[in-house]
Amino acid sequence: MEATTPATETAVDRRLKLTEIFYSVQGESDLVGWPTVFVRLTGCPLRCSWCDTPYSFHGGEWATFDEILETIRGYNCQRVCVTGGEPLAQKRCIPFLAMLCDAGLTLSLETSGALPVDQVDPRVIKVIDFKAPGSGEVARNLWDNLNWLQPHDQIKLVLTGRQDFDWALEQIASHRLDRWQVLLSPVWETLPPAQLAEWILESQAPVRLQLQLHKVLWGESPGR
């Protein structure tokens, strides 16, 4: 077998499996509405019951960090969101995030809360999507991730119904989640947004109702 040269190792270490890159408005988090470049990485160890991006679980194409950055630059947009799947399932995502921060971009990361975030560059806006029981993946939550959150980070809880909402209130109290902005999001076409809004108002919970703006605008179209 031919020996691997350091140059080859460096090139391989700076690659990611990429599902897609696209330009749209941010539909979630407190950056909602801002034009954003989305970098969707391939792969996810979770199988949430309501997942809306299962096409990102497999396939994809390899791209170098520099190639991805060049594509991002082509959109002439300052805001970038790295998402998935679960982007942290690829270990090389960590240095990639740091590179994007070094490039001066406003960077957010959408992650499941099932993988450690302790190595994520603190300049990254982490949006951690802890899983409610209705997802089927509640046992995967790593609550120790709370120890690594910055004030600008956010917690998202996607809810299928009243059981998930009551669970969310319990987690907010027991883990003191209101130290950060907590976003409650209804599963699209499963939990009516107006119903979730009523529960929030009745409970006076310290949370923010989040709708997926991109779906309000374009429906279930992938790549938006």
N, C-alpha and C. Protein backbone atom coordinates (compact mmCIF):
# COMPACT_ATOMS: atom_id res chain seq x y z
N MET A 1 0.85 -1.20 0.00
CA MET A 1 0.00 0.00 0.00
C MET A 1 0.88 1.25 0.00
N GLU A 2 0.52 2.20 -0.81
CA GLU A 2 1.31 3.42 -0.91
C GLU A 2 1.15 4.26 0.36
N ALA A 3 2.25 4.76 0.86
CA ALA A 3 2.21 5.57 2.08
C ALA A 3 1.46 6.86 1.83
N THR A 4 0.72 7.30 2.84
CA THR A 4 0.00 8.57 2.75
C THR A 4 0.92 9.72 3.13
N THR A 5 0.99 10.71 2.30
CA THR A 5 1.85 11.85 2.56
C THR A 5 1.16 12.82 3.48
N PRO A 6 1.92 13.64 4.22
CA PRO A 6 1.30 14.65 5.08
C PRO A 6 0.37 15.58 4.31
N ALA A 7 0.75 15.90 3.06
CA ALA A 7 -0.10 16.80 2.27
C ALA A 7 -1.46 16.17 2.01
N THR A 8 -1.46 14.84 1.71
CA THR A 8 -2.72 14.14 1.48
C THR A 8 -3.54 14.09 2.76
N GLU A 9 -2.90 13.84 3.88
CA GLU A 9 -3.61 13.80 5.15
C GLU A 9 -4.26 15.15 5.44
N THR A 10 -3.54 16.21 5.17
CA THR A 10 -4.09 17.54 5.41
C THR A 10 -5.31 17.79 4.54
N ALA A 11 -5.26 17.38 3.28
CA ALA A 11 -6.39 17.59 2.38
C ALA A 11 -7.61 16.80 2.85
N VAL A 12 -7.40 15.56 3.27
CA VAL A 12 -8.51 14.73 3.74
C VAL A 12 -9.10 15.30 5.02
N ASP A 13 -8.25 15.79 5.91
CA ASP A 13 -8.72 16.33 7.18
C ASP A 13 -9.54 17.60 7.01
N ARG A 14 -9.48 18.20 5.84
CA ARG A 14 -10.22 19.44 5.59
C ARG A 14 -11.33 19.21 4.56
N ARG A 15 -12.00 18.07 4.70
CA ARG A 15 -13.14 17.77 3.85
C ARG A 15 -14.36 17.45 4.71
N LEU A 16 -15.53 17.71 4.14
CA LEU A 16 -16.80 17.37 4.78
C LEU A 16 -17.71 16.73 3.74
N LYS A 17 -18.59 15.84 4.19
CA LYS A 17 -19.63 15.28 3.32
C LYS A 17 -20.81 16.26 3.33
N LEU A 18 -21.10 16.78 2.16
CA LEU A 18 -22.03 17.90 2.01
C LEU A 18 -23.29 17.45 1.27
N THR A 19 -24.47 17.73 1.84
CA THR A 19 -25.73 17.45 1.17
C THR A 19 -26.12 18.58 0.24
N GLU A 20 -26.03 19.83 0.72
CA GLU A 20 -26.41 20.96 -0.12
C GLU A 20 -25.95 22.27 0.52
N ILE A 21 -25.84 23.28 -0.32
CA ILE A 21 -25.66 24.66 0.11
C ILE A 21 -26.72 25.47 -0.61
N PHE A 22 -27.44 26.27 0.12
CA PHE A 22 -28.48 27.08 -0.52
C PHE A 22 -28.64 28.40 0.22
N TYR A 23 -29.28 29.34 -0.46
CA TYR A 23 -29.48 30.70 0.03
C TYR A 23 -30.97 30.92 0.23
N SER A 24 -31.34 31.33 1.43
CA SER A 24 -32.76 31.52 1.74
C SER A 24 -32.87 32.49 2.90
N VAL A 25 -34.07 32.65 3.43
CA VAL A 25 -34.23 33.41 4.67
C VAL A 25 -34.19 32.43 5.83
N GLN A 26 -33.59 32.87 6.93
CA GLN A 26 -33.57 32.03 8.13
C GLN A 26 -34.99 31.89 8.66
N GLY A 27 -35.44 30.66 8.83
CA GLY A 27 -36.81 30.43 9.28
C GLY A 27 -36.94 30.21 10.76
N GLU A 28 -35.81 30.06 11.47
CA GLU A 28 -35.87 29.73 12.89
C GLU A 28 -34.83 30.53 13.67
N SER A 29 -34.90 30.41 14.99
CA SER A 29 -34.00 31.07 15.95
C SER A 29 -34.29 32.57 15.99
N ASP A 30 -33.49 33.31 16.77
CA ASP A 30 -33.74 34.75 16.84
C ASP A 30 -33.13 35.48 15.65
N LEU A 31 -32.57 34.73 14.70
CA LEU A 31 -32.10 35.30 13.44
C LEU A 31 -33.15 35.17 12.34
N VAL A 32 -34.36 34.79 12.71
CA VAL A 32 -35.42 34.55 11.75
C VAL A 32 -35.61 35.77 10.84
N GLY A 33 -35.76 35.49 9.56
CA GLY A 33 -36.03 36.54 8.58
C GLY A 33 -34.81 37.07 7.87
N TRP A 34 -33.62 36.83 8.42
CA TRP A 34 -32.40 37.34 7.78
C TRP A 34 -32.00 36.46 6.60
N PRO A 35 -31.63 37.05 5.46
CA PRO A 35 -31.04 36.26 4.38
C PRO A 35 -29.81 35.51 4.91
N THR A 36 -29.73 34.23 4.58
CA THR A 36 -28.73 33.34 5.18
C THR A 36 -28.29 32.30 4.16
N VAL A 37 -27.01 31.95 4.21
CA VAL A 37 -26.51 30.82 3.45
C VAL A 37 -26.53 29.59 4.36
N PHE A 38 -27.19 28.54 3.90
CA PHE A 38 -27.30 27.30 4.67
C PHE A 38 -26.34 26.26 4.12
N VAL A 39 -25.54 25.70 5.02
CA VAL A 39 -24.63 24.61 4.68
C VAL A 39 -25.16 23.36 5.38
N ARG A 40 -25.75 22.46 4.59
CA ARG A 40 -26.35 21.25 5.17
C ARG A 40 -25.38 20.08 5.01
N LEU A 41 -24.87 19.59 6.14
CA LEU A 41 -23.96 18.46 6.13
C LEU A 41 -24.73 17.15 6.15
N THR A 42 -24.09 16.10 5.67
CA THR A 42 -24.72 14.80 5.53
C THR A 42 -24.52 13.97 6.80
N GLY A 43 -25.56 13.22 7.16
CA GLY A 43 -25.45 12.26 8.25
C GLY A 43 -26.15 12.70 9.52
N CYS A 44 -26.74 11.73 10.22
CA CYS A 44 -27.37 12.00 11.51
C CYS A 44 -27.56 10.67 12.24
N PRO A 45 -27.16 10.58 13.52
CA PRO A 45 -27.35 9.34 14.27
C PRO A 45 -28.74 9.21 14.87
N LEU A 46 -29.57 10.26 14.77
CA LEU A 46 -30.91 10.23 15.32
C LEU A 46 -31.93 9.95 14.23
N ARG A 47 -33.10 9.49 14.65
CA ARG A 47 -34.21 9.27 13.72
C ARG A 47 -35.49 9.80 14.36
N CYS A 48 -35.60 11.11 14.44
CA CYS A 48 -36.77 11.73 15.06
C CYS A 48 -38.01 11.45 14.24
N SER A 49 -39.12 11.23 14.92
CA SER A 49 -40.36 10.86 14.25
C SER A 49 -40.85 11.92 13.29
N TRP A 50 -40.53 13.18 13.58
CA TRP A 50 -41.04 14.28 12.77
C TRP A 50 -39.99 14.90 11.85
N CYS A 51 -38.84 14.25 11.68
CA CYS A 51 -37.74 14.84 10.91
C CYS A 51 -38.21 15.27 9.52
N ASP A 52 -37.84 16.49 9.13
CA ASP A 52 -38.24 17.01 7.81
C ASP A 52 -37.08 17.05 6.82
N THR A 53 -35.92 16.48 7.20
CA THR A 53 -34.79 16.45 6.26
C THR A 53 -34.16 15.06 6.21
N PRO A 54 -34.95 14.00 6.05
CA PRO A 54 -34.34 12.66 6.01
C PRO A 54 -33.44 12.45 4.80
N TYR A 55 -33.59 13.29 3.78
CA TYR A 55 -32.72 13.16 2.60
C TYR A 55 -31.27 13.48 2.94
N SER A 56 -31.03 14.08 4.10
CA SER A 56 -29.65 14.40 4.49
C SER A 56 -28.97 13.26 5.24
N PHE A 57 -29.68 12.18 5.50
CA PHE A 57 -29.09 11.08 6.27
C PHE A 57 -27.97 10.37 5.52
N HIS A 58 -28.12 10.27 4.21
CA HIS A 58 -27.19 9.48 3.41
C HIS A 58 -26.80 10.25 2.15
N GLY A 59 -25.81 9.72 1.46
CA GLY A 59 -25.39 10.33 0.20
C GLY A 59 -24.47 11.51 0.42
N GLY A 60 -24.71 12.59 -0.29
CA GLY A 60 -23.86 13.76 -0.19
C GLY A 60 -22.60 13.61 -1.02
N GLU A 61 -21.84 14.69 -1.11
CA GLU A 61 -20.58 14.71 -1.86
C GLU A 61 -19.51 15.37 -1.01
N TRP A 62 -18.29 14.87 -1.15
CA TRP A 62 -17.18 15.45 -0.41
C TRP A 62 -16.83 16.83 -0.97
N ALA A 63 -16.54 17.76 -0.07
CA ALA A 63 -16.08 19.10 -0.46
C ALA A 63 -15.08 19.58 0.57
N THR A 64 -14.08 20.30 0.12
CA THR A 64 -13.08 20.83 1.05
C THR A 64 -13.63 22.06 1.74
N PHE A 65 -13.02 22.39 2.86
CA PHE A 65 -13.39 23.61 3.58
C PHE A 65 -13.32 24.81 2.64
N ASP A 66 -12.24 24.90 1.88
CA ASP A 66 -12.05 26.06 1.01
C ASP A 66 -13.11 26.12 -0.09
N GLU A 67 -13.49 24.96 -0.62
CA GLU A 67 -14.53 24.93 -1.65
C GLU A 67 -15.87 25.40 -1.08
N ILE A 68 -16.18 24.97 0.13
CA ILE A 68 -17.43 25.39 0.75
C ILE A 68 -17.41 26.89 1.02
N LEU A 69 -16.30 27.39 1.54
CA LEU A 69 -16.20 28.82 1.81
C LEU A 69 -16.32 29.64 0.53
N GLU A 70 -15.72 29.15 -0.54
CA GLU A 70 -15.82 29.86 -1.82
C GLU A 70 -17.27 29.94 -2.30
N THR A 71 -18.02 28.85 -2.13
CA THR A 71 -19.43 28.86 -2.50
C THR A 71 -20.21 29.84 -1.63
N ILE A 72 -19.92 29.84 -0.34
CA ILE A 72 -20.59 30.79 0.57
C ILE A 72 -20.32 32.21 0.13
N ARG A 73 -19.07 32.53 -0.17
CA ARG A 73 -18.69 33.87 -0.57
C ARG A 73 -19.45 34.31 -1.83
N GLY A 74 -19.78 33.35 -2.68
CA GLY A 74 -20.47 33.68 -3.92
C GLY A 74 -21.86 34.25 -3.72
N TYR A 75 -22.45 34.02 -2.56
CA TYR A 75 -23.78 34.57 -2.27
C TYR A 75 -23.73 35.99 -1.71
N ASN A 76 -22.54 36.46 -1.38
CA ASN A 76 -22.38 37.82 -0.85
C ASN A 76 -23.30 38.05 0.35
N CYS A 77 -23.25 37.11 1.28
CA CYS A 77 -24.13 37.14 2.46
C CYS A 77 -23.29 36.90 3.70
N GLN A 78 -23.50 37.71 4.72
CA GLN A 78 -22.69 37.65 5.93
C GLN A 78 -23.11 36.53 6.88
N ARG A 79 -24.38 36.13 6.81
CA ARG A 79 -24.91 35.16 7.78
C ARG A 79 -24.91 33.76 7.20
N VAL A 80 -24.40 32.82 7.99
CA VAL A 80 -24.30 31.42 7.57
C VAL A 80 -24.85 30.54 8.67
N CYS A 81 -25.58 29.49 8.28
CA CYS A 81 -26.10 28.50 9.22
C CYS A 81 -25.60 27.13 8.80
N VAL A 82 -24.91 26.45 9.68
CA VAL A 82 -24.47 25.07 9.44
C VAL A 82 -25.48 24.15 10.11
N THR A 83 -26.06 23.25 9.31
CA THR A 83 -27.15 22.43 9.78
C THR A 83 -27.01 21.02 9.23
N GLY A 84 -28.04 20.20 9.36
CA GLY A 84 -27.99 18.82 8.88
C GLY A 84 -29.38 18.32 8.58
N GLY A 85 -29.65 17.05 8.84
CA GLY A 85 -28.89 16.11 9.63
C GLY A 85 -28.39 16.67 10.97
N GLU A 86 -27.32 16.05 11.41
CA GLU A 86 -26.62 16.48 12.61
C GLU A 86 -25.19 16.82 12.20
N PRO A 87 -24.87 18.11 12.07
CA PRO A 87 -23.55 18.49 11.57
C PRO A 87 -22.40 18.00 12.42
N LEU A 88 -22.59 17.91 13.74
CA LEU A 88 -21.49 17.49 14.62
C LEU A 88 -21.21 15.99 14.53
N ALA A 89 -22.03 15.26 13.77
CA ALA A 89 -21.74 13.85 13.52
C ALA A 89 -20.46 13.70 12.70
N GLN A 90 -20.08 14.74 11.97
CA GLN A 90 -18.80 14.76 11.27
C GLN A 90 -17.81 15.53 12.14
N LYS A 91 -16.80 14.84 12.62
CA LYS A 91 -15.86 15.45 13.55
C LYS A 91 -15.14 16.66 12.97
N ARG A 92 -14.97 16.65 11.65
CA ARG A 92 -14.28 17.78 11.02
C ARG A 92 -15.13 19.05 11.01
N CYS A 93 -16.38 18.93 11.42
CA CYS A 93 -17.22 20.13 11.52
C CYS A 93 -16.65 21.13 12.51
N ILE A 94 -16.01 20.65 13.57
CA ILE A 94 -15.49 21.55 14.61
C ILE A 94 -14.46 22.53 14.04
N PRO A 95 -13.39 22.07 13.37
CA PRO A 95 -12.45 23.04 12.79
C PRO A 95 -13.07 23.85 11.65
N PHE A 96 -14.04 23.28 10.95
CA PHE A 96 -14.72 24.02 9.89
C PHE A 96 -15.46 25.23 10.46
N LEU A 97 -16.15 25.04 11.58
CA LEU A 97 -16.85 26.15 12.22
C LEU A 97 -15.88 27.25 12.62
N ALA A 98 -14.75 26.86 13.18
CA ALA A 98 -13.75 27.85 13.57
C ALA A 98 -13.24 28.62 12.36
N MET A 99 -13.06 27.93 11.23
CA MET A 99 -12.59 28.60 10.02
C MET A 99 -13.60 29.64 9.55
N LEU A 100 -14.89 29.30 9.60
CA LEU A 100 -15.91 30.26 9.17
C LEU A 100 -15.95 31.47 10.10
N CYS A 101 -15.75 31.24 11.39
CA CYS A 101 -15.67 32.37 12.33
C CYS A 101 -14.46 33.25 12.00
N ASP A 102 -13.32 32.62 11.72
CA ASP A 102 -12.12 33.38 11.38
C ASP A 102 -12.33 34.19 10.11
N ALA A 103 -13.22 33.72 9.23
CA ALA A 103 -13.51 34.44 7.99
C ALA A 103 -14.42 35.65 8.22
N GLY A 104 -14.84 35.86 9.47
CA GLY A 104 -15.63 37.04 9.80
C GLY A 104 -17.12 36.89 9.58
N LEU A 105 -17.59 35.67 9.40
CA LEU A 105 -19.01 35.44 9.15
C LEU A 105 -19.80 35.36 10.45
N THR A 106 -21.05 35.76 10.41
CA THR A 106 -21.97 35.55 11.53
C THR A 106 -22.51 34.14 11.39
N LEU A 107 -22.14 33.27 12.32
CA LEU A 107 -22.34 31.84 12.12
C LEU A 107 -23.23 31.24 13.19
N SER A 108 -24.23 30.49 12.76
CA SER A 108 -25.06 29.72 13.69
C SER A 108 -24.94 28.24 13.35
N LEU A 109 -25.15 27.42 14.38
CA LEU A 109 -25.07 25.97 14.26
C LEU A 109 -26.36 25.38 14.80
N GLU A 110 -27.04 24.57 13.98
CA GLU A 110 -28.22 23.86 14.43
C GLU A 110 -27.82 22.44 14.77
N THR A 111 -27.93 22.08 16.05
CA THR A 111 -27.48 20.77 16.51
C THR A 111 -28.52 20.17 17.44
N SER A 112 -28.51 18.84 17.54
CA SER A 112 -29.59 18.11 18.20
C SER A 112 -29.51 18.10 19.72
N GLY A 113 -28.37 18.40 20.30
CA GLY A 113 -28.21 18.23 21.74
C GLY A 113 -27.82 16.82 22.12
N ALA A 114 -27.67 15.95 21.13
CA ALA A 114 -27.30 14.56 21.40
C ALA A 114 -25.81 14.32 21.26
N LEU A 115 -25.07 15.31 20.80
CA LEU A 115 -23.62 15.21 20.65
C LEU A 115 -22.96 16.37 21.40
N PRO A 116 -21.77 16.16 21.94
CA PRO A 116 -21.13 17.21 22.75
C PRO A 116 -20.84 18.47 21.95
N VAL A 117 -21.03 19.62 22.59
CA VAL A 117 -20.74 20.91 21.96
C VAL A 117 -19.56 21.61 22.63
N ASP A 118 -18.84 20.91 23.51
CA ASP A 118 -17.80 21.56 24.29
C ASP A 118 -16.64 22.07 23.44
N GLN A 119 -16.43 21.49 22.25
CA GLN A 119 -15.33 21.92 21.39
C GLN A 119 -15.75 22.94 20.34
N VAL A 120 -17.03 23.29 20.32
CA VAL A 120 -17.52 24.26 19.33
C VAL A 120 -16.99 25.65 19.68
N ASP A 121 -16.47 26.34 18.68
CA ASP A 121 -15.94 27.68 18.88
C ASP A 121 -16.99 28.56 19.59
N PRO A 122 -16.60 29.27 20.65
CA PRO A 122 -17.59 30.07 21.39
C PRO A 122 -18.17 31.22 20.59
N ARG A 123 -17.56 31.55 19.45
CA ARG A 123 -18.13 32.61 18.60
C ARG A 123 -19.36 32.14 17.84
N VAL A 124 -19.55 30.84 17.74
CA VAL A 124 -20.69 30.27 17.03
C VAL A 124 -21.96 30.43 17.87
N ILE A 125 -23.05 30.83 17.22
CA ILE A 125 -24.37 30.86 17.88
C ILE A 125 -24.94 29.45 17.81
N LYS A 126 -24.97 28.77 18.94
CA LYS A 126 -25.46 27.40 18.98
C LYS A 126 -26.97 27.39 19.24
N VAL A 127 -27.70 26.72 18.37
CA VAL A 127 -29.13 26.50 18.56
C VAL A 127 -29.30 25.01 18.82
N ILE A 128 -29.52 24.66 20.09
CA ILE A 128 -29.55 23.26 20.49
C ILE A 128 -31.00 22.78 20.56
N ASP A 129 -31.27 21.75 19.79
CA ASP A 129 -32.62 21.22 19.63
C ASP A 129 -32.78 19.97 20.50
N PHE A 130 -32.91 20.17 21.81
CA PHE A 130 -33.14 19.03 22.69
C PHE A 130 -34.45 18.34 22.32
N LYS A 131 -34.45 17.01 22.42
CA LYS A 131 -35.56 16.22 21.89
C LYS A 131 -36.62 15.92 22.94
N ALA A 132 -37.87 16.24 22.61
CA ALA A 132 -39.02 15.93 23.47
C ALA A 132 -39.44 14.48 23.26
N PRO A 133 -40.27 13.93 24.16
CA PRO A 133 -40.68 12.53 24.04
C PRO A 133 -41.31 12.17 22.70
N GLY A 134 -42.07 13.09 22.13
CA GLY A 134 -42.74 12.80 20.86
C GLY A 134 -41.80 12.56 19.70
N SER A 135 -40.55 12.94 19.87
CA SER A 135 -39.55 12.71 18.81
C SER A 135 -39.12 11.26 18.73
N GLY A 136 -39.29 10.52 19.85
CA GLY A 136 -38.78 9.17 19.94
C GLY A 136 -37.30 9.10 20.29
N GLU A 137 -36.68 10.25 20.54
CA GLU A 137 -35.23 10.29 20.79
C GLU A 137 -34.88 11.04 22.08
N VAL A 138 -35.83 11.12 23.01
CA VAL A 138 -35.61 11.89 24.23
C VAL A 138 -34.44 11.35 25.04
N ALA A 139 -34.18 10.06 24.96
CA ALA A 139 -33.09 9.47 25.74
C ALA A 139 -31.72 9.91 25.25
N ARG A 140 -31.65 10.53 24.08
CA ARG A 140 -30.36 10.91 23.51
C ARG A 140 -29.88 12.28 24.00
N ASN A 141 -30.72 13.02 24.73
CA ASN A 141 -30.34 14.37 25.17
C ASN A 141 -29.14 14.33 26.10
N LEU A 142 -28.15 15.16 25.80
CA LEU A 142 -26.98 15.34 26.67
C LEU A 142 -27.13 16.68 27.38
N TRP A 143 -27.69 16.64 28.57
CA TRP A 143 -27.95 17.88 29.29
C TRP A 143 -26.66 18.54 29.76
N ASP A 144 -25.56 17.80 29.80
CA ASP A 144 -24.28 18.41 30.14
C ASP A 144 -23.88 19.48 29.13
N ASN A 145 -24.48 19.45 27.96
CA ASN A 145 -24.19 20.49 26.97
C ASN A 145 -24.53 21.89 27.48
N LEU A 146 -25.43 21.96 28.46
CA LEU A 146 -25.79 23.27 29.02
C LEU A 146 -24.58 23.96 29.62
N ASN A 147 -23.60 23.19 30.07
CA ASN A 147 -22.41 23.77 30.70
C ASN A 147 -21.55 24.55 29.71
N TRP A 148 -21.82 24.39 28.42
CA TRP A 148 -20.97 25.00 27.40
C TRP A 148 -21.69 26.08 26.61
N LEU A 149 -22.87 26.47 27.05
CA LEU A 149 -23.63 27.48 26.32
C LEU A 149 -23.21 28.89 26.70
N GLN A 150 -23.20 29.75 25.70
CA GLN A 150 -22.92 31.17 25.87
C GLN A 150 -24.25 31.93 25.95
N PRO A 151 -24.22 33.19 26.42
CA PRO A 151 -25.47 33.95 26.48
C PRO A 151 -26.17 34.09 25.13
N HIS A 152 -25.41 34.08 24.03
CA HIS A 152 -26.04 34.25 22.72
C HIS A 152 -26.63 32.95 22.17
N ASP A 153 -26.41 31.83 22.85
CA ASP A 153 -26.93 30.56 22.37
C ASP A 153 -28.41 30.42 22.70
N GLN A 154 -29.06 29.46 22.05
CA GLN A 154 -30.50 29.29 22.18
C GLN A 154 -30.86 27.82 22.30
N ILE A 155 -32.02 27.56 22.90
CA ILE A 155 -32.51 26.20 23.05
C ILE A 155 -33.85 26.10 22.33
N LYS A 156 -33.93 25.09 21.47
CA LYS A 156 -35.17 24.86 20.72
C LYS A 156 -35.78 23.53 21.16
N LEU A 157 -37.08 23.53 21.38
CA LEU A 157 -37.81 22.31 21.73
C LEU A 157 -38.95 22.16 20.74
N VAL A 158 -38.90 21.10 19.95
CA VAL A 158 -39.93 20.84 18.95
C VAL A 158 -40.99 19.93 19.57
N LEU A 159 -42.24 20.33 19.48
CA LEU A 159 -43.31 19.68 20.25
C LEU A 159 -44.37 19.08 19.33
N THR A 160 -44.82 17.87 19.68
CA THR A 160 -45.87 17.21 18.91
C THR A 160 -47.26 17.41 19.51
N GLY A 161 -47.33 17.75 20.81
CA GLY A 161 -48.63 17.89 21.44
C GLY A 161 -48.50 18.27 22.90
N ARG A 162 -49.57 18.09 23.65
CA ARG A 162 -49.62 18.55 25.05
C ARG A 162 -48.60 17.82 25.92
N GLN A 163 -48.40 16.54 25.71
CA GLN A 163 -47.42 15.81 26.51
C GLN A 163 -46.03 16.42 26.35
N ASP A 164 -45.68 16.74 25.13
CA ASP A 164 -44.38 17.37 24.88
C ASP A 164 -44.32 18.75 25.52
N PHE A 165 -45.41 19.49 25.47
CA PHE A 165 -45.42 20.83 26.07
C PHE A 165 -45.21 20.74 27.58
N ASP A 166 -45.92 19.84 28.24
CA ASP A 166 -45.76 19.68 29.68
C ASP A 166 -44.34 19.24 30.03
N TRP A 167 -43.79 18.35 29.21
CA TRP A 167 -42.40 17.93 29.39
C TRP A 167 -41.46 19.13 29.26
N ALA A 168 -41.72 19.98 28.29
CA ALA A 168 -40.88 21.16 28.08
C ALA A 168 -40.89 22.07 29.31
N LEU A 169 -42.06 22.27 29.90
CA LEU A 169 -42.13 23.11 31.10
C LEU A 169 -41.33 22.49 32.24
N GLU A 170 -41.37 21.17 32.35
CA GLU A 170 -40.59 20.49 33.39
C GLU A 170 -39.09 20.68 33.19
N GLN A 171 -38.65 20.61 31.93
CA GLN A 171 -37.22 20.77 31.65
C GLN A 171 -36.77 22.22 31.89
N ILE A 172 -37.62 23.16 31.53
CA ILE A 172 -37.29 24.56 31.76
C ILE A 172 -37.06 24.82 33.24
N ALA A 173 -37.91 24.22 34.07
CA ALA A 173 -37.79 24.42 35.52
C ALA A 173 -36.61 23.65 36.09
N SER A 174 -36.47 22.37 35.74
CA SER A 174 -35.46 21.53 36.38
C SER A 174 -34.04 21.87 35.92
N HIS A 175 -33.89 22.31 34.68
CA HIS A 175 -32.56 22.63 34.15
C HIS A 175 -32.30 24.13 34.06
N ARG A 176 -33.26 24.92 34.53
CA ARG A 176 -33.13 26.38 34.47
C ARG A 176 -32.80 26.84 33.05
N LEU A 177 -33.59 26.35 32.11
CA LEU A 177 -33.33 26.66 30.71
C LEU A 177 -33.57 28.13 30.37
N ASP A 178 -34.34 28.82 31.23
CA ASP A 178 -34.61 30.22 30.93
C ASP A 178 -33.40 31.12 31.14
N ARG A 179 -32.24 30.53 31.44
CA ARG A 179 -30.99 31.30 31.40
C ARG A 179 -30.66 31.70 29.97
N TRP A 180 -31.28 31.00 29.01
CA TRP A 180 -31.10 31.29 27.60
C TRP A 180 -32.47 31.52 26.96
N GLN A 181 -32.47 31.92 25.73
CA GLN A 181 -33.73 32.05 25.01
C GLN A 181 -34.23 30.65 24.66
N VAL A 182 -35.46 30.35 25.07
CA VAL A 182 -36.07 29.05 24.79
C VAL A 182 -37.13 29.23 23.72
N LEU A 183 -37.00 28.47 22.64
CA LEU A 183 -37.91 28.54 21.51
C LEU A 183 -38.75 27.27 21.46
N LEU A 184 -40.06 27.41 21.52
CA LEU A 184 -40.96 26.27 21.39
C LEU A 184 -41.53 26.27 19.98
N SER A 185 -41.34 25.16 19.29
CA SER A 185 -41.74 25.07 17.89
C SER A 185 -42.71 23.91 17.70
N PRO A 186 -43.89 24.16 17.09
CA PRO A 186 -44.82 23.05 16.84
C PRO A 186 -44.39 22.24 15.63
N VAL A 187 -44.58 20.93 15.69
CA VAL A 187 -44.31 20.09 14.53
C VAL A 187 -45.27 20.49 13.42
N TRP A 188 -44.71 20.74 12.26
CA TRP A 188 -45.48 21.21 11.10
C TRP A 188 -46.62 20.25 10.78
N GLU A 189 -47.84 20.77 10.68
CA GLU A 189 -49.05 20.02 10.33
C GLU A 189 -49.42 18.95 11.36
N THR A 190 -48.85 19.04 12.57
CA THR A 190 -49.20 18.10 13.64
C THR A 190 -49.80 18.83 14.83
N LEU A 191 -49.10 19.85 15.31
CA LEU A 191 -49.59 20.68 16.41
C LEU A 191 -49.93 22.06 15.86
N PRO A 192 -51.21 22.45 15.89
CA PRO A 192 -51.58 23.78 15.39
C PRO A 192 -50.84 24.88 16.15
N PRO A 193 -50.22 25.81 15.47
CA PRO A 193 -49.49 26.89 16.15
C PRO A 193 -50.36 27.67 17.13
N ALA A 194 -51.61 27.90 16.76
CA ALA A 194 -52.50 28.66 17.65
C ALA A 194 -52.71 27.93 18.96
N GLN A 195 -52.78 26.60 18.92
CA GLN A 195 -52.93 25.83 20.15
C GLN A 195 -51.71 25.98 21.04
N LEU A 196 -50.52 25.88 20.44
CA LEU A 196 -49.30 26.06 21.23
C LEU A 196 -49.25 27.47 21.81
N ALA A 197 -49.66 28.46 21.04
CA ALA A 197 -49.67 29.83 21.54
C ALA A 197 -50.58 29.96 22.76
N GLU A 198 -51.75 29.30 22.72
CA GLU A 198 -52.66 29.34 23.86
C GLU A 198 -52.03 28.71 25.10
N TRP A 199 -51.36 27.58 24.93
CA TRP A 199 -50.71 26.93 26.07
C TRP A 199 -49.62 27.83 26.66
N ILE A 200 -48.87 28.50 25.80
CA ILE A 200 -47.82 29.39 26.29
C ILE A 200 -48.41 30.54 27.10
N LEU A 201 -49.48 31.11 26.57
CA LEU A 201 -50.11 32.23 27.28
C LEU A 201 -50.70 31.78 28.61
N GLU A 202 -51.35 30.63 28.62
CA GLU A 202 -51.95 30.13 29.86
C GLU A 202 -50.90 29.80 30.92
N SER A 203 -49.79 29.26 30.49
CA SER A 203 -48.75 28.83 31.43
C SER A 203 -47.85 29.97 31.86
N GLN A 204 -47.86 31.07 31.09
CA GLN A 204 -46.95 32.20 31.32
C GLN A 204 -45.49 31.73 31.36
N ALA A 205 -45.20 30.75 30.54
CA ALA A 205 -43.84 30.21 30.48
C ALA A 205 -42.88 31.22 29.86
N PRO A 206 -41.63 31.24 30.33
CA PRO A 206 -40.63 32.17 29.81
C PRO A 206 -40.04 31.67 28.49
N VAL A 207 -40.89 31.57 27.48
CA VAL A 207 -40.49 30.99 26.21
C VAL A 207 -40.96 31.87 25.06
N ARG A 208 -40.43 31.55 23.89
CA ARG A 208 -40.81 32.26 22.68
C ARG A 208 -41.41 31.26 21.69
N LEU A 209 -42.57 31.59 21.14
CA LEU A 209 -43.18 30.76 20.11
C LEU A 209 -42.39 30.91 18.81
N GLN A 210 -42.04 29.77 18.21
CA GLN A 210 -41.29 29.82 16.96
C GLN A 210 -42.04 29.05 15.88
N LEU A 211 -42.30 29.72 14.78
CA LEU A 211 -42.83 29.06 13.60
C LEU A 211 -41.71 28.94 12.58
N GLN A 212 -41.80 27.97 11.70
CA GLN A 212 -40.79 27.81 10.66
C GLN A 212 -41.17 28.71 9.48
N LEU A 213 -40.59 29.90 9.46
CA LEU A 213 -40.97 30.91 8.48
C LEU A 213 -40.82 30.39 7.05
N HIS A 214 -39.78 29.61 6.80
CA HIS A 214 -39.56 29.11 5.44
C HIS A 214 -40.71 28.22 4.98
N LYS A 215 -41.33 27.49 5.92
CA LYS A 215 -42.47 26.65 5.55
C LYS A 215 -43.74 27.48 5.37
N VAL A 216 -43.86 28.55 6.14
CA VAL A 216 -44.99 29.46 5.94
C VAL A 216 -44.92 30.07 4.54
N LEU A 217 -43.70 30.38 4.11
CA LEU A 217 -43.52 31.02 2.80
C LEU A 217 -43.60 30.03 1.64
N TRP A 218 -42.93 28.86 1.80
CA TRP A 218 -42.75 27.96 0.66
C TRP A 218 -43.23 26.53 0.90
N GLY A 219 -43.85 26.26 2.04
CA GLY A 219 -44.29 24.91 2.32
C GLY A 219 -43.14 23.98 2.60
N GLU A 220 -43.28 22.72 2.21
CA GLU A 220 -42.30 21.69 2.54
C GLU A 220 -41.16 21.60 1.53
N SER A 221 -41.02 22.57 0.64
CA SER A 221 -40.00 22.48 -0.40
C SER A 221 -38.62 22.31 0.21
N PRO A 222 -37.88 21.25 -0.16
CA PRO A 222 -36.51 21.09 0.34
C PRO A 222 -35.60 22.16 -0.24
N GLY A 223 -34.53 22.42 0.46
CA GLY A 223 -33.58 23.41 -0.03
C GLY A 223 -34.03 24.83 0.12
N ARG A 224 -35.07 25.07 0.95
CA ARG A 224 -35.52 26.42 1.25
C ARG A 224 -35.54 26.59 2.76
